[in-house]
PDB file of N, CA and C in Angstrom:
ATOM      1  N   MET A   1       0.803  -1.174  -0.023  1.00  0.00           N
ATOM      2  CA  MET A   1       0.175   0.015   0.025  1.00  0.00           C
ATOM      3  C   MET A   1       0.915   1.275   0.074  1.00  0.00           C
ATOM      4  N   THR A   2       2.022   1.329   0.805  1.00  0.00           N
ATOM      5  CA  THR A   2       2.849   2.346   0.983  1.00  0.00           C
ATOM      6  C   THR A   2       3.408   2.595  -0.560  1.00  0.00           C
ATOM      7  N   PHE A   3       3.776   1.561  -1.210  1.00  0.00           N
ATOM      8  CA  PHE A   3       4.611   1.845  -2.398  1.00  0.00           C
ATOM      9  C   PHE A   3       3.399   2.488  -3.495  1.00  0.00           C
ATOM     10  N   LEU A   4       2.248   2.068  -3.572  1.00  0.00           N
ATOM     11  CA  LEU A   4       1.457   2.848  -4.241  1.00  0.00           C
ATOM     12  C   LEU A   4       0.865   4.163  -3.989  1.00  0.00           C
ATOM     13  N   LEU A   5       1.076   4.319  -2.860  1.00  0.00           N
ATOM     14  CA  LEU A   5       1.131   6.150  -2.386  1.00  0.00           C
ATOM     15  C   LEU A   5       2.249   6.666  -2.974  1.00  0.00           C
ATOM     16  N   VAL A   6       3.285   5.983  -2.779  1.00  0.00           N
ATOM     17  CA  VAL A   6       4.674   6.785  -3.266  1.00  0.00           C
ATOM     18  C   VAL A   6       4.522   6.868  -4.793  1.00  0.00           C
ATOM     19  N   VAL A   7       4.330   5.778  -5.587  1.00  0.00           N
ATOM     20  CA  VAL A   7       4.057   5.989  -6.930  1.00  0.00           C
ATOM     21  C   VAL A   7       3.035   7.057  -7.432  1.00  0.00           C
ATOM     22  N   ALA A   8       1.879   7.061  -6.518  1.00  0.00           N
ATOM     23  CA  ALA A   8       0.789   8.117  -7.077  1.00  0.00           C
ATOM     24  C   ALA A   8       1.243   9.499  -6.704  1.00  0.00           C
ATOM     25  N   PHE A   9       2.186   9.724  -5.460  1.00  0.00           N
ATOM     26  CA  PHE A   9       2.460  10.827  -5.174  1.00  0.00           C
ATOM     27  C   PHE A   9       3.683  11.479  -6.333  1.00  0.00           C
ATOM     28  N   PHE A  10       4.551  10.365  -6.753  1.00  0.00           N
ATOM     29  CA  PHE A  10       5.677  10.650  -7.783  1.00  0.00           C
ATOM     30  C   PHE A  10       5.056  11.199  -9.144  1.00  0.00           C
ATOM     31  N   LEU A  11       3.577  10.583  -9.564  1.00  0.00           N
ATOM     32  CA  LEU A  11       3.143  10.965 -10.626  1.00  0.00           C
ATOM     33  C   LEU A  11       2.681  11.917 -10.565  1.00  0.00           C
ATOM     34  N   ALA A  12       2.005  12.487  -9.371  1.00  0.00           N
ATOM     35  CA  ALA A  12       1.338  13.797  -9.249  1.00  0.00           C
ATOM     36  C   ALA A  12       2.243  14.806  -9.301  1.00  0.00           C
ATOM     37  N   VAL A  13       3.495  14.615  -8.856  1.00  0.00           N
ATOM     38  CA  VAL A  13       4.337  15.838  -8.781  1.00  0.00           C
ATOM     39  C   VAL A  13       5.426  16.005 -10.246  1.00  0.00           C
ATOM     40  N   THR A  14       5.332  14.785 -10.841  1.00  0.00           N
ATOM     41  CA  THR A  14       5.817  14.839 -11.876  1.00  0.00           C
ATOM     42  C   THR A  14       5.395  14.990 -13.579  1.00  0.00           C
ATOM     43  N   VAL A  15       4.529  13.907 -13.549  1.00  0.00           N
ATOM     44  CA  VAL A  15       3.787  13.687 -14.890  1.00  0.00           C
ATOM     45  C   VAL A  15       2.654  14.482 -15.032  1.00  0.00           C
ATOM     46  N   VAL A  16       1.876  14.847 -13.909  1.00  0.00           N
ATOM     47  CA  VAL A  16       0.431  15.499 -13.916  1.00  0.00           C
ATOM     48  C   VAL A  16       0.656  16.937 -14.488  1.00  0.00           C
ATOM     49  N   PRO A  17       1.622  17.638 -13.786  1.00  0.00           N
ATOM     50  CA  PRO A  17       2.054  18.982 -14.108  1.00  0.00           C
ATOM     51  C   PRO A  17       2.301  19.424 -15.406  1.00  0.00           C
ATOM     52  N   ILE A  18       2.963  18.206 -16.235  1.00  0.00           N
ATOM     53  CA  ILE A  18       3.360  18.484 -17.377  1.00  0.00           C
ATOM     54  C   ILE A  18       1.992  18.292 -18.536  1.00  0.00           C
ATOM     55  N   MET A  19       1.199  17.416 -17.917  1.00  0.00           N
ATOM     56  CA  MET A  19      -0.262  17.341 -18.638  1.00  0.00           C
ATOM     57  C   MET A  19      -1.139  18.770 -18.418  1.00  0.00           C
ATOM     58  N   ILE A  20      -1.017  19.143 -17.239  1.00  0.00           N
ATOM     59  CA  ILE A  20      -1.719  20.264 -16.955  1.00  0.00           C
ATOM     60  C   ILE A  20      -1.047  21.782 -17.928  1.00  0.00           C
ATOM     61  N   GLY A  21       0.123  21.708 -17.807  1.00  0.00           N
ATOM     62  CA  GLY A  21       1.073  22.651 -18.596  1.00  0.00           C
ATOM     63  C   GLY A  21       0.436  22.471 -20.372  1.00  0.00           C
ATOM     64  N   ALA A  22       0.739  21.322 -20.524  1.00  0.00           N
ATOM     65  CA  ALA A  22       0.373  21.271 -22.027  1.00  0.00           C
ATOM     66  C   ALA A  22      -1.081  21.551 -22.294  1.00  0.00           C
ATOM     67  N   ARG A  23      -2.070  21.257 -21.508  1.00  0.00           N
ATOM     68  CA  ARG A  23      -3.429  21.476 -21.715  1.00  0.00           C
ATOM     69  C   ARG A  23      -3.570  23.201 -21.775  1.00  0.00           C
ATOM     70  N   VAL A  24      -2.929  23.862 -20.513  1.00  0.00           N
ATOM     71  CA  VAL A  24      -2.804  25.270 -20.655  1.00  0.00           C
ATOM     72  C   VAL A  24      -2.723  26.048 -21.922  1.00  0.00           C
ATOM     73  N   VAL A  25      -1.550  25.562 -22.522  1.00  0.00           N
ATOM     74  CA  VAL A  25      -0.977  26.279 -23.640  1.00  0.00           C
ATOM     75  C   VAL A  25      -1.530  25.664 -24.839  1.00  0.00           C
ATOM     76  N   GLY A  26      -2.501  25.115 -24.682  1.00  0.00           N
ATOM     77  CA  GLY A  26      -3.164  24.286 -25.978  1.00  0.00           C
ATOM     78  C   GLY A  26      -2.405  23.457 -27.039  1.00  0.00           C
ATOM     79  N   ALA A  27      -1.450  22.560 -26.310  1.00  0.00           N
ATOM     80  CA  ALA A  27      -0.499  21.527 -26.992  1.00  0.00           C
ATOM     81  C   ALA A  27      -1.347  20.622 -27.524  1.00  0.00           C
ATOM     82  N   GLU A  28      -0.605  20.069 -28.699  1.00  0.00           N
ATOM     83  CA  GLU A  28      -1.425  19.057 -29.553  1.00  0.00           C
ATOM     84  C   GLU A  28      -1.596  17.708 -28.573  1.00  0.00           C
ATOM     85  N   LYS A  29      -0.465  17.286 -28.143  1.00  0.00           N
ATOM     86  CA  LYS A  29      -0.481  16.219 -27.031  1.00  0.00           C
ATOM     87  C   LYS A  29      -0.456  16.481 -25.926  1.00  0.00           C
ATOM     88  N   THR A  30      -1.588  15.977 -25.038  1.00  0.00           N
ATOM     89  CA  THR A  30      -1.511  16.373 -23.814  1.00  0.00           C
ATOM     90  C   THR A  30      -1.723  15.098 -22.884  1.00  0.00           C
ATOM     91  N   GLY A  31      -1.751  14.059 -23.610  1.00  0.00           N
ATOM     92  CA  GLY A  31      -1.968  12.862 -22.638  1.00  0.00           C
ATOM     93  C   GLY A  31      -0.832  12.185 -21.755  1.00  0.00           C
ATOM     94  N   PHE A  32      -1.078  11.111 -21.151  1.00  0.00           N
ATOM     95  CA  PHE A  32      -0.194  10.640 -20.008  1.00  0.00           C
ATOM     96  C   PHE A  32       1.197  10.124 -20.626  1.00  0.00           C
ATOM     97  N   GLY A  33       0.976   9.424 -21.707  1.00  0.00           N
ATOM     98  CA  GLY A  33       2.259   9.013 -22.699  1.00  0.00           C
ATOM     99  C   GLY A  33       3.091  10.072 -22.964  1.00  0.00           C
ATOM    100  N   SER A  34       2.735  11.094 -23.609  1.00  0.00           N
ATOM    101  CA  SER A  34       3.511  12.287 -24.167  1.00  0.00           C
ATOM    102  C   SER A  34       4.139  12.830 -22.751  1.00  0.00           C
ATOM    103  N   ALA A  35       3.568  13.040 -21.685  1.00  0.00           N
ATOM    104  CA  ALA A  35       4.186  13.612 -20.379  1.00  0.00           C
ATOM    105  C   ALA A  35       4.960  12.638 -19.870  1.00  0.00           C
ATOM    106  N   VAL A  36       5.017  11.291 -20.008  1.00  0.00           N
ATOM    107  CA  VAL A  36       6.123  10.468 -19.431  1.00  0.00           C
ATOM    108  C   VAL A  36       6.931  10.673 -20.442  1.00  0.00           C
ATOM    109  N   ILE A  37       7.077  10.727 -21.713  1.00  0.00           N
ATOM    110  CA  ILE A  37       8.109  10.652 -22.805  1.00  0.00           C
ATOM    111  C   ILE A  37       8.793  12.006 -22.410  1.00  0.00           C
ATOM    112  N   ALA A  38       8.365  13.018 -22.121  1.00  0.00           N
ATOM    113  CA  ALA A  38       8.732  14.407 -22.026  1.00  0.00           C
ATOM    114  C   ALA A  38       9.623  14.186 -20.832  1.00  0.00           C
ATOM    115  N   LEU A  39       9.221  13.716 -19.669  1.00  0.00           N
ATOM    116  CA  LEU A  39       9.969  13.938 -18.360  1.00  0.00           C
ATOM    117  C   LEU A  39      11.170  12.764 -18.504  1.00  0.00           C
ATOM    118  N   ILE A  40      10.947  11.744 -19.182  1.00  0.00           N
ATOM    119  CA  ILE A  40      12.311  10.803 -19.431  1.00  0.00           C
ATOM    120  C   ILE A  40      13.233  11.528 -20.274  1.00  0.00           C
ATOM    121  N   LEU A  41      12.763  12.470 -21.434  1.00  0.00           N
ATOM    122  CA  LEU A  41      13.782  13.073 -21.940  1.00  0.00           C
ATOM    123  C   LEU A  41      14.504  14.299 -21.150  1.00  0.00           C
ATOM    124  N   LEU A  42      13.507  14.855 -20.473  1.00  0.00           N
ATOM    125  CA  LEU A  42      13.984  15.830 -19.771  1.00  0.00           C
ATOM    126  C   LEU A  42      15.150  15.679 -18.512  1.00  0.00           C
ATOM    127  N   SER A  43      14.802  14.215 -18.045  1.00  0.00           N
ATOM    128  CA  SER A  43      15.817  13.652 -17.061  1.00  0.00           C
ATOM    129  C   SER A  43      17.227  13.520 -17.603  1.00  0.00           C
ATOM    130  N   VAL A  44      17.075  13.061 -18.965  1.00  0.00           N
ATOM    131  CA  VAL A  44      18.406  12.584 -19.881  1.00  0.00           C
ATOM    132  C   VAL A  44      19.024  14.009 -20.031  1.00  0.00           C
ATOM    133  N   LEU A  45      18.235  14.831 -20.509  1.00  0.00           N
ATOM    134  CA  LEU A  45      19.167  16.164 -20.673  1.00  0.00           C
ATOM    135  C   LEU A  45      19.357  16.987 -19.250  1.00  0.00           C
ATOM    136  N   SER A  46      19.098  16.716 -18.210  1.00  0.00           N
ATOM    137  CA  SER A  46      19.528  17.131 -16.823  1.00  0.00           C
ATOM    138  C   SER A  46      20.884  16.506 -16.636  1.00  0.00           C
ATOM    139  N   VAL A  47      20.894  14.890 -16.980  1.00  0.00           N
ATOM    140  CA  VAL A  47      22.260  14.277 -16.426  1.00  0.00           C
ATOM    141  C   VAL A  47      23.084  14.612 -17.537  1.00  0.00           C
ATOM    142  N   ALA A  48      22.674  14.926 -18.637  1.00  0.00           N
ATOM    143  CA  ALA A  48      23.966  15.340 -19.600  1.00  0.00           C
ATOM    144  C   ALA A  48      24.216  16.767 -19.389  1.00  0.00           C
ATOM    145  N   ILE A  49      23.590  17.351 -19.167  1.00  0.00           N
ATOM    146  CA  ILE A  49      24.254  18.775 -18.758  1.00  0.00           C
ATOM    147  C   ILE A  49      24.934  18.623 -17.463  1.00  0.00           C
ATOM    148  N   GLU A  50      24.687  17.905 -16.762  1.00  0.00           N
ATOM    149  CA  GLU A  50      25.291  17.779 -15.274  1.00  0.00           C
ATOM    150  C   GLU A  50      26.914  17.403 -15.534  1.00  0.00           C
ATOM    151  N   HIS A  51      26.780  16.260 -16.577  1.00  0.00           N
ATOM    152  CA  HIS A  51      28.210  15.656 -16.876  1.00  0.00           C
ATOM    153  C   HIS A  51      29.001  16.665 -18.026  1.00  0.00           C
ATOM    154  N   MET A  52      28.487  17.324 -18.721  1.00  0.00           N
ATOM    155  CA  MET A  52      29.134  17.942 -19.643  1.00  0.00           C
ATOM    156  C   MET A  52      29.342  19.651 -19.478  1.00  0.00           C
ATOM    157  N   VAL A  53      28.562  20.253 -18.770  1.00  0.00           N
ATOM    158  CA  VAL A  53      28.676  21.616 -18.499  1.00  0.00           C
ATOM    159  C   VAL A  53      28.978  21.908 -17.021  1.00  0.00           C
ATOM    160  N   SER A  54      30.185  22.613 -16.974  1.00  0.00           N
ATOM    161  CA  SER A  54      30.567  23.020 -15.489  1.00  0.00           C
ATOM    162  C   SER A  54      30.139  24.330 -15.040  1.00  0.00           C
ATOM    163  N   ASN A  55      29.870  25.299 -15.922  1.00  0.00           N
ATOM    164  CA  ASN A  55      29.712  26.569 -15.615  1.00  0.00           C
ATOM    165  C   ASN A  55      28.180  26.720 -15.369  1.00  0.00           C
ATOM    166  N   ASN A  56      27.755  26.918 -14.016  1.00  0.00           N
ATOM    167  CA  ASN A  56      26.455  26.968 -13.692  1.00  0.00           C
ATOM    168  C   ASN A  56      25.286  27.836 -14.276  1.00  0.00           C
ATOM    169  N   LEU A  57      25.988  28.953 -14.680  1.00  0.00           N
ATOM    170  CA  LEU A  57      25.055  29.975 -15.634  1.00  0.00           C
ATOM    171  C   LEU A  57      24.837  29.451 -16.782  1.00  0.00           C
ATOM    172  N   LEU A  58      25.709  28.901 -17.573  1.00  0.00           N
ATOM    173  CA  LEU A  58      25.694  28.155 -18.873  1.00  0.00           C
ATOM    174  C   LEU A  58      24.833  26.837 -18.857  1.00  0.00           C
ATOM    175  N   ALA A  59      25.067  26.218 -17.729  1.00  0.00           N
ATOM    176  CA  ALA A  59      24.144  25.051 -17.688  1.00  0.00           C
ATOM    177  C   ALA A  59      22.486  25.420 -17.366  1.00  0.00           C
ATOM    178  N   PHE A  60      22.253  26.484 -16.547  1.00  0.00           N
ATOM    179  CA  PHE A  60      20.843  26.884 -16.289  1.00  0.00           C
ATOM    180  C   PHE A  60      20.551  27.167 -17.811  1.00  0.00           C
ATOM    181  N   LEU A  61      20.967  28.037 -18.437  1.00  0.00           N
ATOM    182  CA  LEU A  61      20.661  28.627 -19.860  1.00  0.00           C
ATOM    183  C   LEU A  61      20.420  27.283 -20.818  1.00  0.00           C
ATOM    184  N   VAL A  62      21.240  26.238 -20.860  1.00  0.00           N
ATOM    185  CA  VAL A  62      21.236  25.263 -21.620  1.00  0.00           C
ATOM    186  C   VAL A  62      19.959  24.396 -21.265  1.00  0.00           C
ATOM    187  N   SER A  63      20.109  24.180 -20.157  1.00  0.00           N
ATOM    188  CA  SER A  63      19.005  23.394 -19.529  1.00  0.00           C
ATOM    189  C   SER A  63      17.364  24.253 -19.894  1.00  0.00           C
ATOM    190  N   VAL A  64      17.344  25.399 -19.750  1.00  0.00           N
ATOM    191  CA  VAL A  64      16.113  26.064 -20.306  1.00  0.00           C
ATOM    192  C   VAL A  64      15.656  25.954 -21.468  1.00  0.00           C
ATOM    193  N   ALA A  65      16.681  25.996 -22.384  1.00  0.00           N
ATOM    194  CA  ALA A  65      16.519  26.110 -23.805  1.00  0.00           C
ATOM    195  C   ALA A  65      16.102  24.701 -24.338  1.00  0.00           C
ATOM    196  N   GLY A  66      16.919  23.543 -23.790  1.00  0.00           N
ATOM    197  CA  GLY A  66      16.831  22.474 -24.095  1.00  0.00           C
ATOM    198  C   GLY A  66      15.617  21.798 -23.485  1.00  0.00           C
ATOM    199  N   GLY A  67      15.137  22.227 -22.338  1.00  0.00           N
ATOM    200  CA  GLY A  67      13.657  21.814 -21.744  1.00  0.00           C
ATOM    201  C   GLY A  67      12.773  22.258 -22.580  1.00  0.00           C
ATOM    202  N   ALA A  68      12.631  23.618 -22.855  1.00  0.00           N
ATOM    203  CA  ALA A  68      11.599  24.354 -23.574  1.00  0.00           C
ATOM    204  C   ALA A  68      11.673  23.451 -25.082  1.00  0.00           C
ATOM    205  N   ALA A  69      12.621  22.861 -25.788  1.00  0.00           N
ATOM    206  CA  ALA A  69      12.689  22.485 -27.141  1.00  0.00           C
ATOM    207  C   ALA A  69      12.262  21.001 -26.965  1.00  0.00           C
ATOM    208  N   ILE A  70      12.470  20.226 -26.001  1.00  0.00           N
ATOM    209  CA  ILE A  70      11.924  18.827 -25.732  1.00  0.00           C
ATOM    210  C   ILE A  70      10.407  19.095 -25.613  1.00  0.00           C
ATOM    211  N   LEU A  71      10.320  19.958 -24.544  1.00  0.00           N
ATOM    212  CA  LEU A  71       8.719  20.004 -24.231  1.00  0.00           C
ATOM    213  C   LEU A  71       7.984  20.503 -25.596  1.00  0.00           C
ATOM    214  N   SER A  72       8.145  21.170 -26.436  1.00  0.00           N
ATOM    215  CA  SER A  72       7.592  21.769 -27.675  1.00  0.00           C
ATOM    216  C   SER A  72       7.523  20.553 -28.467  1.00  0.00           C
ATOM    217  N   GLY A  73       8.479  19.798 -28.581  1.00  0.00           N
ATOM    218  CA  GLY A  73       8.741  18.603 -29.769  1.00  0.00           C
ATOM    219  C   GLY A  73       7.936  17.630 -29.405  1.00  0.00           C
ATOM    220  N   VAL A  74       7.930  17.386 -28.063  1.00  0.00           N
ATOM    221  CA  VAL A  74       6.994  16.212 -27.550  1.00  0.00           C
ATOM    222  C   VAL A  74       5.724  16.392 -27.574  1.00  0.00           C
ATOM    223  N   LEU A  75       5.349  17.592 -26.996  1.00  0.00           N
ATOM    224  CA  LEU A  75       4.062  17.987 -26.883  1.00  0.00           C
ATOM    225  C   LEU A  75       3.251  18.649 -28.125  1.00  0.00           C
ATOM    226  N   GLY A  76       4.000  18.705 -29.065  1.00  0.00           N
ATOM    227  CA  GLY A  76       3.417  19.263 -30.316  1.00  0.00           C
ATOM    228  C   GLY A  76       3.150  20.644 -30.041  1.00  0.00           C
ATOM    229  N   THR A  77       4.128  21.746 -29.837  1.00  0.00           N
ATOM    230  CA  THR A  77       3.755  22.928 -29.766  1.00  0.00           C
ATOM    231  C   THR A  77       4.736  24.102 -30.092  1.00  0.00           C
ATOM    232  N   THR A  78       4.880  25.256 -29.871  1.00  0.00           N
ATOM    233  CA  THR A  78       5.883  26.113 -30.185  1.00  0.00           C
ATOM    234  C   THR A  78       7.014  26.248 -29.071  1.00  0.00           C
ATOM    235  N   PHE A  79       8.223  26.540 -29.373  1.00  0.00           N
ATOM    236  CA  PHE A  79       9.180  26.701 -28.285  1.00  0.00           C
ATOM    237  C   PHE A  79       8.867  27.634 -27.379  1.00  0.00           C
ATOM    238  N   LEU A  80       8.182  28.675 -27.589  1.00  0.00           N
ATOM    239  CA  LEU A  80       7.749  29.681 -26.358  1.00  0.00           C
ATOM    240  C   LEU A  80       6.484  29.190 -25.605  1.00  0.00           C
ATOM    241  N   LYS A  81       5.682  28.083 -26.145  1.00  0.00           N
ATOM    242  CA  LYS A  81       4.758  27.466 -25.495  1.00  0.00           C
ATOM    243  C   LYS A  81       5.249  26.317 -24.754  1.00  0.00           C
ATOM    244  N   GLY A  82       6.430  25.803 -25.108  1.00  0.00           N
ATOM    245  CA  GLY A  82       7.451  24.811 -24.380  1.00  0.00           C
ATOM    246  C   GLY A  82       7.905  25.507 -23.165  1.00  0.00           C
ATOM    247  N   LEU A  83       8.345  26.748 -23.284  1.00  0.00           N
ATOM    248  CA  LEU A  83       8.768  27.358 -22.254  1.00  0.00           C
ATOM    249  C   LEU A  83       7.776  27.680 -21.106  1.00  0.00           C
ATOM    250  N   ALA A  84       6.571  28.029 -21.629  1.00  0.00           N
ATOM    251  CA  ALA A  84       5.562  28.245 -20.651  1.00  0.00           C
ATOM    252  C   ALA A  84       5.246  27.050 -19.881  1.00  0.00           C
ATOM    253  N   VAL A  85       5.200  26.110 -20.481  1.00  0.00           N
ATOM    254  CA  VAL A  85       4.645  24.665 -19.882  1.00  0.00           C
ATOM    255  C   VAL A  85       5.855  24.457 -18.710  1.00  0.00           C
ATOM    256  N   SER A  86       7.118  24.498 -19.095  1.00  0.00           N
ATOM    257  CA  SER A  86       7.931  24.469 -18.113  1.00  0.00           C
ATOM    258  C   SER A  86       7.636  25.216 -16.736  1.00  0.00           C
ATOM    259  N   PHE A  87       7.266  26.605 -17.042  1.00  0.00           N
ATOM    260  CA  PHE A  87       7.112  27.519 -15.870  1.00  0.00           C
ATOM    261  C   PHE A  87       5.860  26.931 -15.085  1.00  0.00           C
ATOM    262  N   ILE A  88       4.811  26.428 -15.839  1.00  0.00           N
ATOM    263  CA  ILE A  88       3.818  26.093 -15.435  1.00  0.00           C
ATOM    264  C   ILE A  88       3.841  24.718 -14.425  1.00  0.00           C
ATOM    265  N   VAL A  89       4.865  23.723 -14.958  1.00  0.00           N
ATOM    266  CA  VAL A  89       5.339  22.805 -14.393  1.00  0.00           C
ATOM    267  C   VAL A  89       5.735  23.010 -12.737  1.00  0.00           C
ATOM    268  N   VAL A  90       6.644  24.067 -13.099  1.00  0.00           N
ATOM    269  CA  VAL A  90       7.254  24.514 -11.800  1.00  0.00           C
ATOM    270  C   VAL A  90       6.312  25.062 -10.620  1.00  0.00           C
ATOM    271  N   ALA A  91       5.655  25.809 -11.336  1.00  0.00           N
ATOM    272  CA  ALA A  91       4.496  26.403 -10.334  1.00  0.00           C
ATOM    273  C   ALA A  91       3.461  25.395  -9.716  1.00  0.00           C
ATOM    274  N   VAL A  92       3.029  24.307 -10.471  1.00  0.00           N
ATOM    275  CA  VAL A  92       2.222  23.117 -10.028  1.00  0.00           C
ATOM    276  C   VAL A  92       3.194  22.608  -8.894  1.00  0.00           C
ATOM    277  N   GLN A  93       4.305  22.081  -9.230  1.00  0.00           N
ATOM    278  CA  GLN A  93       4.958  21.262  -8.505  1.00  0.00           C
ATOM    279  C   GLN A  93       5.287  21.968  -7.093  1.00  0.00           C
ATOM    280  N   PHE A  94       5.563  23.493  -7.103  1.00  0.00           N
ATOM    281  CA  PHE A  94       5.838  24.087  -6.157  1.00  0.00           C
ATOM    282  C   PHE A  94       4.719  24.059  -4.947  1.00  0.00           C
ATOM    283  N   VAL A  95       3.416  24.124  -5.696  1.00  0.00           N
ATOM    284  CA  VAL A  95       2.015  24.434  -4.802  1.00  0.00           C
ATOM    285  C   VAL A  95       1.908  22.749  -4.188  1.00  0.00           C
ATOM    286  N   VAL A  96       2.125  21.808  -4.853  1.00  0.00           N
ATOM    287  CA  VAL A  96       1.764  20.404  -4.565  1.00  0.00           C
ATOM    288  C   VAL A  96       3.028  19.899  -3.477  1.00  0.00           C
ATOM    289  N   LEU A  97       4.021  20.413  -3.545  1.00  0.00           N
ATOM    290  CA  LEU A  97       5.041  20.257  -2.437  1.00  0.00           C
ATOM    291  C   LEU A  97       4.845  21.253  -1.139  1.00  0.00           C
ATOM    292  N   LEU A  98       4.129  22.368  -1.438  1.00  0.00           N
ATOM    293  CA  LEU A  98       3.693  23.120  -0.136  1.00  0.00           C
ATOM    294  C   LEU A  98       2.681  22.261   0.399  1.00  0.00           C
ATOM    295  N   MET A  99       1.595  21.988  -0.197  1.00  0.00           N
ATOM    296  CA  MET A  99       0.376  21.335   0.309  1.00  0.00           C
ATOM    297  C   MET A  99       1.119  19.970   1.108  1.00  0.00           C
ATOM    298  N   PHE A 100       1.754  19.296   0.484  1.00  0.00           N
ATOM    299  CA  PHE A 100       2.235  17.891   1.041  1.00  0.00           C
ATOM    300  C   PHE A 100       3.284  18.631   2.368  1.00  0.00           C
ATOM    301  N   ALA A 101       4.038  19.566   2.306  1.00  0.00           N
ATOM    302  CA  ALA A 101       4.624  19.780   3.767  1.00  0.00           C
ATOM    303  C   ALA A 101       3.735  20.321   4.391  1.00  0.00           C
ATOM    304  N   GLY A 102       2.699  20.971   4.204  1.00  0.00           N
ATOM    305  CA  GLY A 102       1.554  21.560   5.284  1.00  0.00           C
ATOM    306  C   GLY A 102       1.023  20.042   5.712  1.00  0.00           C
ATOM    307  N   ALA A 103       0.632  19.285   5.132  1.00  0.00           N
ATOM    308  CA  ALA A 103       0.083  18.055   5.735  1.00  0.00           C
ATOM    309  C   ALA A 103       1.003  17.297   6.454  1.00  0.00           C
ATOM    310  N   LEU A 104       2.259  17.269   6.239  1.00  0.00           N
ATOM    311  CA  LEU A 104       3.167  16.629   7.161  1.00  0.00           C
ATOM    312  C   LEU A 104       3.289  17.359   8.292  1.00  0.00           C
ATOM    313  N   MET A 105       3.278  18.938   8.252  1.00  0.00           N
ATOM    314  CA  MET A 105       3.476  19.654   9.393  1.00  0.00           C
ATOM    315  C   MET A 105       2.258  19.211  10.414  1.00  0.00           C
ATOM    316  N   GLY A 106       0.954  19.416   9.756  1.00  0.00           N
ATOM    317  CA  GLY A 106      -0.045  19.108  10.360  1.00  0.00           C
ATOM    318  C   GLY A 106      -0.433  17.716  11.023  1.00  0.00           C
ATOM    319  N   ALA A 107       0.244  16.766  10.610  1.00  0.00           N
ATOM    320  CA  ALA A 107       0.122  15.387  10.848  1.00  0.00           C
ATOM    321  C   ALA A 107       1.181  15.166  12.155  1.00  0.00           C
ATOM    322  N   ALA A 108       2.428  16.218  12.049  1.00  0.00           N
ATOM    323  CA  ALA A 108       3.358  16.019  13.179  1.00  0.00           C
ATOM    324  C   ALA A 108       3.058  16.770  14.453  1.00  0.00           C
ATOM    325  N   SER A 109       1.917  17.855  14.409  1.00  0.00           N
ATOM    326  CA  SER A 109       1.541  18.238  15.493  1.00  0.00           C
ATOM    327  C   SER A 109       0.604  17.903  16.360  1.00  0.00           C
TER     328      SER A 109
END
């Protein structure tokens, strides 16, 4: 049961925000499969940047541009809308994590 809760939380924090962002910007592909593929490619990009780029500012810029390009390609939208999806994902993840932290704090007291 705990494993299923962890998997559900992982999906809620990683895949669902991509799906939400894709729907908000009007992307062609907004389904679960496209979001999972985008997540996998974004993870690969992150690992590649970590190993290949030592300058933090350059790593950030390459990550932003590469992430937006990946999201636009996988979700079937423009580069700028891919960038918007990226910002929406971060915002949704931040809210979900705040809610989770609040629930933990409430349970602890």
